[in-house]
Amino acid sequence: MATKAGTSGNAAKAGGESRAALEGGPDDLRERVVPVTAPGSASAEQDLKIPHRGGYEHYRATSRQKKTPEGKLPVYEWWERTEVAE
């Protein structure tokens, strides 16, 4: 099941909220560290679904971690884009 991740600039961890580092995808996707809002936080079973330009960018978990200003975060790699159905 896909997990929607917001793209707010708030770098603070909210109660129980994990963060993930994104790699790949469109160059104009501004946020590269996003919250993972599903219960159980970031895990290998979850994909991230990021709303962007009238569609969604999909990211899959990897086994890698990345050092960020917010600490070590799980890395999610871009794998596809889907359009919003109207």
PDB file of N, CA and C in Angstrom:
ATOM      1  N   MET A   1       0.844  -1.180   0.000  1.00  0.00           N
ATOM      2  CA  MET A   1       0.000   0.000   0.000  1.00  0.00           C
ATOM      3  C   MET A   1       0.881   1.233   0.000  1.00  0.00           C
ATOM      4  N   ALA A   2       0.517   2.219  -0.761  1.00  0.00           N
ATOM      5  CA  ALA A   2       1.305   3.446  -0.845  1.00  0.00           C
ATOM      6  C   ALA A   2       1.027   4.328   0.356  1.00  0.00           C
ATOM      7  N   THR A   3       2.027   5.041   0.745  1.00  0.00           N
ATOM      8  CA  THR A   3       1.920   5.993   1.835  1.00  0.00           C
ATOM      9  C   THR A   3       2.047   7.381   1.264  1.00  0.00           C
ATOM     10  N   LYS A   4       1.109   8.245   1.569  1.00  0.00           N
ATOM     11  CA  LYS A   4       1.220   9.616   1.113  1.00  0.00           C
ATOM     12  C   LYS A   4       2.160  10.355   2.042  1.00  0.00           C
ATOM     13  N   ALA A   5       3.049  11.111   1.462  1.00  0.00           N
ATOM     14  CA  ALA A   5       3.972  11.922   2.243  1.00  0.00           C
ATOM     15  C   ALA A   5       3.743  13.366   1.872  1.00  0.00           C
ATOM     16  N   GLY A   6       3.668  14.204   2.872  1.00  0.00           N
ATOM     17  CA  GLY A   6       3.500  15.624   2.612  1.00  0.00           C
ATOM     18  C   GLY A   6       4.790  16.249   2.164  1.00  0.00           C
ATOM     19  N   THR A   7       4.685  17.491   1.718  1.00  0.00           N
ATOM     20  CA  THR A   7       5.884  18.182   1.265  1.00  0.00           C
ATOM     21  C   THR A   7       6.063  19.496   2.013  1.00  0.00           C
ATOM     22  N   SER A   8       5.689  19.519   3.274  1.00  0.00           N
ATOM     23  CA  SER A   8       5.864  20.742   4.051  1.00  0.00           C
ATOM     24  C   SER A   8       7.328  20.933   4.385  1.00  0.00           C
ATOM     25  N   GLY A   9       7.715  22.157   4.643  1.00  0.00           N
ATOM     26  CA  GLY A   9       9.103  22.457   4.954  1.00  0.00           C
ATOM     27  C   GLY A   9       9.441  22.220   6.413  1.00  0.00           C
ATOM     28  N   ASN A  10       8.509  21.736   7.221  1.00  0.00           N
ATOM     29  CA  ASN A  10       8.741  21.521   8.638  1.00  0.00           C
ATOM     30  C   ASN A  10       9.704  20.366   8.841  1.00  0.00           C
ATOM     31  N   ALA A  11      10.893  20.669   9.344  1.00  0.00           N
ATOM     32  CA  ALA A  11      11.916  19.639   9.514  1.00  0.00           C
ATOM     33  C   ALA A  11      11.790  18.911  10.844  1.00  0.00           C
ATOM     34  N   ALA A  12      10.980  19.426  11.745  1.00  0.00           N
ATOM     35  CA  ALA A  12      10.870  18.802  13.066  1.00  0.00           C
ATOM     36  C   ALA A  12      10.075  17.515  12.981  1.00  0.00           C
ATOM     37  N   LYS A  13      10.451  16.557  13.815  1.00  0.00           N
ATOM     38  CA  LYS A  13       9.704  15.305  13.893  1.00  0.00           C
ATOM     39  C   LYS A  13       8.434  15.540  14.689  1.00  0.00           C
ATOM     40  N   ALA A  14       7.311  15.223  14.116  1.00  0.00           N
ATOM     41  CA  ALA A  14       6.057  15.290  14.851  1.00  0.00           C
ATOM     42  C   ALA A  14       5.915  13.993  15.632  1.00  0.00           C
ATOM     43  N   GLY A  15       4.955  13.936  16.524  1.00  0.00           N
ATOM     44  CA  GLY A  15       4.779  12.760  17.361  1.00  0.00           C
ATOM     45  C   GLY A  15       4.698  11.478  16.556  1.00  0.00           C
ATOM     46  N   GLY A  16       5.721  10.639  16.630  1.00  0.00           N
ATOM     47  CA  GLY A  16       5.726   9.359  15.954  1.00  0.00           C
ATOM     48  C   GLY A  16       5.980   9.422  14.460  1.00  0.00           C
ATOM     49  N   GLU A  17       6.185  10.590  13.916  1.00  0.00           N
ATOM     50  CA  GLU A  17       6.373  10.725  12.479  1.00  0.00           C
ATOM     51  C   GLU A  17       7.827  10.492  12.099  1.00  0.00           C
ATOM     52  N   SER A  18       8.049   9.651  11.116  1.00  0.00           N
ATOM     53  CA  SER A  18       9.391   9.398  10.600  1.00  0.00           C
ATOM     54  C   SER A  18       9.634  10.286   9.397  1.00  0.00           C
ATOM     55  N   ARG A  19      10.875  10.330   8.962  1.00  0.00           N
ATOM     56  CA  ARG A  19      11.256  11.094   7.779  1.00  0.00           C
ATOM     57  C   ARG A  19      11.983  10.151   6.834  1.00  0.00           C
ATOM     58  N   ALA A  20      11.998  10.494   5.554  1.00  0.00           N
ATOM     59  CA  ALA A  20      12.690   9.700   4.553  1.00  0.00           C
ATOM     60  C   ALA A  20      13.386  10.623   3.562  1.00  0.00           C
ATOM     61  N   ALA A  21      14.514  10.177   3.020  1.00  0.00           N
ATOM     62  CA  ALA A  21      15.248  10.921   1.994  1.00  0.00           C
ATOM     63  C   ALA A  21      14.859  10.358   0.630  1.00  0.00           C
ATOM     64  N   LEU A  22      14.531  11.264  -0.314  1.00  0.00           N
ATOM     65  CA  LEU A  22      14.129  10.854  -1.648  1.00  0.00           C
ATOM     66  C   LEU A  22      15.287  10.987  -2.616  1.00  0.00           C
ATOM     67  N   GLU A  23      15.418  10.016  -3.532  1.00  0.00           N
ATOM     68  CA  GLU A  23      16.420  10.084  -4.595  1.00  0.00           C
ATOM     69  C   GLU A  23      15.730   9.862  -5.924  1.00  0.00           C
ATOM     70  N   GLY A  24      16.141  10.634  -6.925  1.00  0.00           N
ATOM     71  CA  GLY A  24      15.585  10.499  -8.262  1.00  0.00           C
ATOM     72  C   GLY A  24      14.291  11.268  -8.407  1.00  0.00           C
ATOM     73  N   GLY A  25      13.610  11.033  -9.516  1.00  0.00           N
ATOM     74  CA  GLY A  25      12.371  11.740  -9.787  1.00  0.00           C
ATOM     75  C   GLY A  25      12.617  13.067 -10.462  1.00  0.00           C
ATOM     76  N   PRO A  26      11.570  13.883 -10.563  1.00  0.00           N
ATOM     77  CA  PRO A  26      11.682  15.145 -11.285  1.00  0.00           C
ATOM     78  C   PRO A  26      12.631  16.134 -10.598  1.00  0.00           C
ATOM     79  N   ASP A  27      13.357  16.891 -11.428  1.00  0.00           N
ATOM     80  CA  ASP A  27      14.294  17.886 -10.897  1.00  0.00           C
ATOM     81  C   ASP A  27      13.596  18.998 -10.122  1.00  0.00           C
ATOM     82  N   ASP A  28      12.333  19.281 -10.463  1.00  0.00           N
ATOM     83  CA  ASP A  28      11.643  20.384  -9.796  1.00  0.00           C
ATOM     84  C   ASP A  28      10.889  19.962  -8.534  1.00  0.00           C
ATOM     85  N   LEU A  29      11.071  18.723  -8.097  1.00  0.00           N
ATOM     86  CA  LEU A  29      10.498  18.292  -6.822  1.00  0.00           C
ATOM     87  C   LEU A  29      11.370  18.887  -5.721  1.00  0.00           C
ATOM     88  N   ARG A  30      10.855  19.875  -5.018  1.00  0.00           N
ATOM     89  CA  ARG A  30      11.662  20.664  -4.079  1.00  0.00           C
ATOM     90  C   ARG A  30      12.091  19.896  -2.850  1.00  0.00           C
ATOM     91  N   GLU A  31      11.163  19.216  -2.223  1.00  0.00           N
ATOM     92  CA  GLU A  31      11.469  18.543  -0.964  1.00  0.00           C
ATOM     93  C   GLU A  31      12.154  17.215  -1.219  1.00  0.00           C
ATOM     94  N   ARG A  32      13.293  17.002  -0.603  1.00  0.00           N
ATOM     95  CA  ARG A  32      14.011  15.734  -0.740  1.00  0.00           C
ATOM     96  C   ARG A  32      14.065  14.975   0.577  1.00  0.00           C
ATOM     97  N   VAL A  33      13.563  15.589   1.648  1.00  0.00           N
ATOM     98  CA  VAL A  33      13.350  14.907   2.926  1.00  0.00           C
ATOM     99  C   VAL A  33      11.882  15.139   3.247  1.00  0.00           C
ATOM    100  N   VAL A  34      11.137  14.039   3.359  1.00  0.00           N
ATOM    101  CA  VAL A  34       9.691  14.143   3.536  1.00  0.00           C
ATOM    102  C   VAL A  34       9.238  13.333   4.736  1.00  0.00           C
ATOM    103  N   PRO A  35       8.094  13.717   5.327  1.00  0.00           N
ATOM    104  CA  PRO A  35       7.549  12.910   6.419  1.00  0.00           C
ATOM    105  C   PRO A  35       6.932  11.627   5.882  1.00  0.00           C
ATOM    106  N   VAL A  36       7.008  10.586   6.680  1.00  0.00           N
ATOM    107  CA  VAL A  36       6.334   9.327   6.389  1.00  0.00           C
ATOM    108  C   VAL A  36       5.269   9.221   7.464  1.00  0.00           C
ATOM    109  N   THR A  37       4.018   9.347   7.069  1.00  0.00           N
ATOM    110  CA  THR A  37       2.945   9.513   8.046  1.00  0.00           C
ATOM    111  C   THR A  37       2.202   8.233   8.395  1.00  0.00           C
ATOM    112  N   ALA A  38       2.551   7.111   7.777  1.00  0.00           N
ATOM    113  CA  ALA A  38       1.844   5.863   8.070  1.00  0.00           C
ATOM    114  C   ALA A  38       2.262   5.312   9.424  1.00  0.00           C
ATOM    115  N   PRO A  39       1.355   4.632  10.111  1.00  0.00           N
ATOM    116  CA  PRO A  39       1.741   3.971  11.357  1.00  0.00           C
ATOM    117  C   PRO A  39       2.874   2.987  11.092  1.00  0.00           C
ATOM    118  N   GLY A  40       3.807   2.896  11.990  1.00  0.00           N
ATOM    119  CA  GLY A  40       4.926   1.980  11.819  1.00  0.00           C
ATOM    120  C   GLY A  40       6.113   2.634  11.141  1.00  0.00           C
ATOM    121  N   SER A  41       5.997   3.878  10.742  1.00  0.00           N
ATOM    122  CA  SER A  41       7.061   4.669  10.128  1.00  0.00           C
ATOM    123  C   SER A  41       7.601   4.053   8.844  1.00  0.00           C
ATOM    124  N   ALA A  42       8.762   4.547   8.418  1.00  0.00           N
ATOM    125  CA  ALA A  42       9.358   4.095   7.153  1.00  0.00           C
ATOM    126  C   ALA A  42       9.802   2.649   7.282  1.00  0.00           C
ATOM    127  N   SER A  43       9.371   1.829   6.344  1.00  0.00           N
ATOM    128  CA  SER A  43       9.794   0.432   6.349  1.00  0.00           C
ATOM    129  C   SER A  43       9.838  -0.093   4.928  1.00  0.00           C
ATOM    130  N   ALA A  44      10.475  -1.226   4.745  1.00  0.00           N
ATOM    131  CA  ALA A  44      10.665  -1.790   3.415  1.00  0.00           C
ATOM    132  C   ALA A  44       9.345  -2.179   2.746  1.00  0.00           C
ATOM    133  N   GLU A  45       8.252  -2.354   3.510  1.00  0.00           N
ATOM    134  CA  GLU A  45       6.977  -2.753   2.910  1.00  0.00           C
ATOM    135  C   GLU A  45       6.217  -1.576   2.323  1.00  0.00           C
ATOM    136  N   GLN A  46       6.636  -0.360   2.566  1.00  0.00           N
ATOM    137  CA  GLN A  46       5.882   0.815   2.167  1.00  0.00           C
ATOM    138  C   GLN A  46       6.500   1.503   0.963  1.00  0.00           C
ATOM    139  N   ASP A  47       5.627   2.041   0.112  1.00  0.00           N
ATOM    140  CA  ASP A  47       6.041   2.952  -0.942  1.00  0.00           C
ATOM    141  C   ASP A  47       5.553   4.330  -0.552  1.00  0.00           C
ATOM    142  N   LEU A  48       6.213   5.348  -1.073  1.00  0.00           N
ATOM    143  CA  LEU A  48       5.768   6.721  -0.837  1.00  0.00           C
ATOM    144  C   LEU A  48       5.116   7.245  -2.102  1.00  0.00           C
ATOM    145  N   LYS A  49       4.051   7.994  -1.943  1.00  0.00           N
ATOM    146  CA  LYS A  49       3.290   8.564  -3.049  1.00  0.00           C
ATOM    147  C   LYS A  49       3.248  10.075  -2.805  1.00  0.00           C
ATOM    148  N   ILE A  50       4.037  10.818  -3.596  1.00  0.00           N
ATOM    149  CA  ILE A  50       4.205  12.255  -3.387  1.00  0.00           C
ATOM    150  C   ILE A  50       3.380  13.023  -4.421  1.00  0.00           C
ATOM    151  N   PRO A  51       2.409  13.847  -3.999  1.00  0.00           N
ATOM    152  CA  PRO A  51       1.663  14.656  -4.965  1.00  0.00           C
ATOM    153  C   PRO A  51       2.598  15.678  -5.621  1.00  0.00           C
ATOM    154  N   HIS A  52       2.528  15.775  -6.959  1.00  0.00           N
ATOM    155  CA  HIS A  52       3.413  16.699  -7.678  1.00  0.00           C
ATOM    156  C   HIS A  52       2.873  16.946  -9.082  1.00  0.00           C
ATOM    157  N   ARG A  53       2.696  18.201  -9.463  1.00  0.00           N
ATOM    158  CA  ARG A  53       2.288  18.632 -10.806  1.00  0.00           C
ATOM    159  C   ARG A  53       1.100  17.845 -11.363  1.00  0.00           C
ATOM    160  N   GLY A  54       0.036  17.737 -10.619  1.00  0.00           N
ATOM    161  CA  GLY A  54      -1.174  17.087 -11.112  1.00  0.00           C
ATOM    162  C   GLY A  54      -1.110  15.570 -11.168  1.00  0.00           C
ATOM    163  N   GLY A  55      -0.163  15.000 -10.494  1.00  0.00           N
ATOM    164  CA  GLY A  55      -0.038  13.546 -10.459  1.00  0.00           C
ATOM    165  C   GLY A  55       0.673  13.126  -9.190  1.00  0.00           C
ATOM    166  N   TYR A  56       1.251  11.946  -9.223  1.00  0.00           N
ATOM    167  CA  TYR A  56       1.984  11.437  -8.065  1.00  0.00           C
ATOM    168  C   TYR A  56       3.320  10.870  -8.518  1.00  0.00           C
ATOM    169  N   GLU A  57       4.353  11.140  -7.725  1.00  0.00           N
ATOM    170  CA  GLU A  57       5.669  10.527  -7.907  1.00  0.00           C
ATOM    171  C   GLU A  57       5.744   9.395  -6.892  1.00  0.00           C
ATOM    172  N   HIS A  58       6.124   8.218  -7.352  1.00  0.00           N
ATOM    173  CA  HIS A  58       6.161   7.039  -6.484  1.00  0.00           C
ATOM    174  C   HIS A  58       7.609   6.676  -6.172  1.00  0.00           C
ATOM    175  N   TYR A  59       7.865   6.430  -4.898  1.00  0.00           N
ATOM    176  CA  TYR A  59       9.202   6.091  -4.411  1.00  0.00           C
ATOM    177  C   TYR A  59       9.139   4.776  -3.653  1.00  0.00           C
ATOM    178  N   ARG A  60      10.147   3.935  -3.861  1.00  0.00           N
ATOM    179  CA  ARG A  60      10.243   2.652  -3.159  1.00  0.00           C
ATOM    180  C   ARG A  60      11.402   2.679  -2.182  1.00  0.00           C
ATOM    181  N   ALA A  61      11.199   2.000  -1.075  1.00  0.00           N
ATOM    182  CA  ALA A  61      12.232   1.912  -0.041  1.00  0.00           C
ATOM    183  C   ALA A  61      13.428   1.129  -0.565  1.00  0.00           C
ATOM    184  N   THR A  62      14.611   1.528  -0.127  1.00  0.00           N
ATOM    185  CA  THR A  62      15.834   0.782  -0.403  1.00  0.00           C
ATOM    186  C   THR A  62      16.385   0.307   0.935  1.00  0.00           C
ATOM    187  N   SER A  63      17.453  -0.436   0.897  1.00  0.00           N
ATOM    188  CA  SER A  63      18.092  -0.868   2.144  1.00  0.00           C
ATOM    189  C   SER A  63      19.135   0.150   2.612  1.00  0.00           C
ATOM    190  N   ARG A  64      19.284   1.226   1.855  1.00  0.00           N
ATOM    191  CA  ARG A  64      20.297   2.240   2.180  1.00  0.00           C
ATOM    192  C   ARG A  64      19.759   3.296   3.137  1.00  0.00           C
ATOM    193  N   GLN A  65      20.711   3.973   3.784  1.00  0.00           N
ATOM    194  CA  GLN A  65      20.402   5.138   4.603  1.00  0.00           C
ATOM    195  C   GLN A  65      21.307   6.272   4.148  1.00  0.00           C
ATOM    196  N   LYS A  66      20.867   7.510   4.408  1.00  0.00           N
ATOM    197  CA  LYS A  66      21.612   8.683   3.975  1.00  0.00           C
ATOM    198  C   LYS A  66      21.764   9.633   5.149  1.00  0.00           C
ATOM    199  N   LYS A  67      22.971  10.199   5.298  1.00  0.00           N
ATOM    200  CA  LYS A  67      23.185  11.225   6.321  1.00  0.00           C
ATOM    201  C   LYS A  67      22.577  12.524   5.821  1.00  0.00           C
ATOM    202  N   THR A  68      21.752  13.135   6.656  1.00  0.00           N
ATOM    203  CA  THR A  68      21.115  14.414   6.339  1.00  0.00           C
ATOM    204  C   THR A  68      21.277  15.327   7.551  1.00  0.00           C
ATOM    205  N   PRO A  69      20.942  16.598   7.422  1.00  0.00           N
ATOM    206  CA  PRO A  69      20.955  17.479   8.595  1.00  0.00           C
ATOM    207  C   PRO A  69      20.030  16.995   9.712  1.00  0.00           C
ATOM    208  N   GLU A  70      19.079  16.117   9.372  1.00  0.00           N
ATOM    209  CA  GLU A  70      18.138  15.572  10.359  1.00  0.00           C
ATOM    210  C   GLU A  70      18.579  14.215  10.892  1.00  0.00           C
ATOM    211  N   GLY A  71      19.782  13.793  10.534  1.00  0.00           N
ATOM    212  CA  GLY A  71      20.292  12.498  10.969  1.00  0.00           C
ATOM    213  C   GLY A  71      20.235  11.483   9.828  1.00  0.00           C
ATOM    214  N   LYS A  72      20.509  10.219  10.156  1.00  0.00           N
ATOM    215  CA  LYS A  72      20.453   9.155   9.147  1.00  0.00           C
ATOM    216  C   LYS A  72      18.997   8.818   8.849  1.00  0.00           C
ATOM    217  N   LEU A  73      18.658   8.835   7.557  1.00  0.00           N
ATOM    218  CA  LEU A  73      17.285   8.551   7.146  1.00  0.00           C
ATOM    219  C   LEU A  73      17.259   7.430   6.120  1.00  0.00           C
ATOM    220  N   PRO A  74      16.168   6.664   6.084  1.00  0.00           N
ATOM    221  CA  PRO A  74      16.038   5.652   5.032  1.00  0.00           C
ATOM    222  C   PRO A  74      15.921   6.336   3.672  1.00  0.00           C
ATOM    223  N   VAL A  75      16.488   5.703   2.652  1.00  0.00           N
ATOM    224  CA  VAL A  75      16.452   6.250   1.291  1.00  0.00           C
ATOM    225  C   VAL A  75      15.346   5.575   0.498  1.00  0.00           C
ATOM    226  N   TYR A  76      14.549   6.390  -0.185  1.00  0.00           N
ATOM    227  CA  TYR A  76      13.521   5.919  -1.098  1.00  0.00           C
ATOM    228  C   TYR A  76      13.902   6.389  -2.500  1.00  0.00           C
ATOM    229  N   GLU A  77      13.855   5.471  -3.477  1.00  0.00           N
ATOM    230  CA  GLU A  77      14.196   5.786  -4.864  1.00  0.00           C
ATOM    231  C   GLU A  77      12.935   5.910  -5.711  1.00  0.00           C
ATOM    232  N   TRP A  78      12.974   6.894  -6.627  1.00  0.00           N
ATOM    233  CA  TRP A  78      11.863   7.095  -7.542  1.00  0.00           C
ATOM    234  C   TRP A  78      11.733   5.894  -8.464  1.00  0.00           C
ATOM    235  N   TRP A  79      10.490   5.469  -8.752  1.00  0.00           N
ATOM    236  CA  TRP A  79      10.303   4.369  -9.692  1.00  0.00           C
ATOM    237  C   TRP A  79       9.215   4.594 -10.716  1.00  0.00           C
ATOM    238  N   GLU A  80       8.257   5.507 -10.474  1.00  0.00           N
ATOM    239  CA  GLU A  80       7.267   5.805 -11.506  1.00  0.00           C
ATOM    240  C   GLU A  80       6.468   7.039 -11.153  1.00  0.00           C
ATOM    241  N   ARG A  81       5.768   7.551 -12.187  1.00  0.00           N
ATOM    242  CA  ARG A  81       4.852   8.661 -12.024  1.00  0.00           C
ATOM    243  C   ARG A  81       3.484   8.206 -12.504  1.00  0.00           C
ATOM    244  N   THR A  82       2.441   8.606 -11.778  1.00  0.00           N
ATOM    245  CA  THR A  82       1.073   8.359 -12.235  1.00  0.00           C
ATOM    246  C   THR A  82       0.334   9.692 -12.280  1.00  0.00           C
ATOM    247  N   GLU A  83      -0.626   9.784 -13.186  1.00  0.00           N
ATOM    248  CA  GLU A  83      -1.447  10.989 -13.324  1.00  0.00           C
ATOM    249  C   GLU A  83      -2.703  10.838 -12.490  1.00  0.00           C
ATOM    250  N   VAL A  84      -3.246  11.946 -12.022  1.00  0.00           N
ATOM    251  CA  VAL A  84      -4.495  11.940 -11.270  1.00  0.00           C
ATOM    252  C   VAL A  84      -5.627  11.757 -12.268  1.00  0.00           C
ATOM    253  N   ALA A  85      -6.498  10.789 -12.018  1.00  0.00           N
ATOM    254  CA  ALA A  85      -7.660  10.558 -12.879  1.00  0.00           C
ATOM    255  C   ALA A  85      -8.728  11.595 -12.585  1.00  0.00           C
ATOM    256  N   GLU A  86      -9.316  12.115 -13.626  1.00  0.00           N
ATOM    257  CA  GLU A  86     -10.379  13.118 -13.443  1.00  0.00           C
ATOM    258  C   GLU A  86     -11.696  12.608 -13.912  1.00  0.00           C
TER     259      GLU A  86
END
